[in-house]
Each structure stands twice: as C-alpha cells, then as structure tokens.
C-alpha cells in the first residue's frame, strides 16, 4: 500500500496538534488529511480549511 502523504522527518507542531484534537468531532470529521497536514506543519492553509475553522480562528491583523 502506498501512502499519499509524503514521509516527514520533522514532527508536527505540538500546540497545533492539541488544537486539532480539541475541535468538536463534527469539525474534525470534515477535515481532510491534506488540510490537517497543512495545519499541523504550519504550511499555507487551504481556503477549504479556513472556511471549516472560521468560527475558531482569531484575526491577529486587527
């Protein structure tokens, strides 16, 4: 079986892992593997993930 996600040597951000785990189950079920990976490894977040998390994000640019 071939994994679609490339192997990463670095570990995911522990704070982001805690945040992801603390989300309500109905939100976690909607997040794809690619979206979760982008979040955990502090990559540019897909618009689809931002939309799913809009009620949980804080705008720091204000």
Protein backbone atom coordinates (compact mmCIF):
# COMPACT_ATOMS: atom_id res chain seq x y z
CA UNK A 1 0.00 0.00 0.00
CA UNK A 2 1.39 3.42 -0.98
CA UNK A 3 0.70 6.41 1.23
CA UNK A 4 -0.50 9.60 -0.47
CA UNK A 5 1.17 11.72 2.21
CA UNK A 6 4.93 12.08 1.93
CA UNK A 7 7.01 10.96 4.92
CA UNK A 8 8.20 13.88 7.02
CA UNK A 9 11.25 13.86 9.22
CA UNK A 10 10.09 16.84 11.27
CA UNK A 11 7.41 16.37 13.88
CA UNK A 12 4.10 18.22 13.78
CA UNK A 13 3.73 21.32 15.94
CA UNK A 14 2.56 20.02 19.36
CA UNK A 15 0.43 23.11 20.03
CA UNK A 16 -1.32 22.72 16.69
CA UNK A 17 -1.85 19.00 17.43
CA UNK A 18 -3.53 19.95 20.71
CA UNK A 19 -5.73 22.49 18.93
CA UNK A 20 -6.75 19.99 16.25
CA UNK A 21 -7.60 17.37 18.86
CA UNK A 22 -9.69 19.86 20.85
CA UNK A 23 -12.01 20.67 17.95
CA UNK A 24 -15.57 19.32 18.08
CA UNK A 25 -15.96 15.90 16.46
CA UNK A 26 -18.25 17.25 13.72
CA UNK A 27 -15.49 19.64 12.62
CA UNK A 28 -12.71 17.04 12.84
CA UNK A 29 -14.73 14.68 10.65
CA UNK A 30 -14.86 17.33 7.89
CA UNK A 31 -11.09 17.98 7.79
CA UNK A 32 -9.20 16.09 5.08
CA UNK A 33 -5.76 14.58 5.59
CA UNK A 34 -4.19 17.25 3.41
CA UNK A 35 -5.87 20.03 5.40
CA UNK A 36 -4.77 18.50 8.70
CA UNK A 37 -1.20 18.14 7.45
CA UNK A 38 -1.08 21.78 6.33
CA UNK A 39 -2.33 22.87 9.76
CA UNK A 40 -0.01 20.60 11.77
CA UNK A 41 3.12 21.52 9.82
CA UNK A 42 2.38 25.26 9.70
CA UNK A 43 2.00 25.33 5.91
CA UNK A 44 -0.22 27.70 3.98
CA UNK A 45 -3.77 26.75 4.95
CA UNK A 46 -6.17 25.79 2.17
CA UNK A 47 -9.20 28.04 1.80
CA UNK A 48 -11.40 24.98 2.43
CA UNK A 49 -9.82 24.53 5.87
CA UNK A 50 -10.11 28.21 6.72
CA UNK A 51 -13.81 28.02 5.90
CA UNK A 52 -14.27 24.99 8.20
CA UNK A 53 -12.38 26.69 11.04
CA UNK A 54 -13.74 30.23 10.63
CA UNK A 55 -15.66 30.08 13.93
CA UNK A 56 -12.49 29.01 15.79
CA UNK A 57 -9.90 31.41 14.31
CA UNK A 58 -8.81 34.77 15.68
CA UNK A 59 -7.80 37.55 13.29
CA UNK A 60 -4.44 38.87 14.54
CA UNK A 61 -4.20 41.55 11.84
CA UNK A 62 -6.59 43.93 13.60
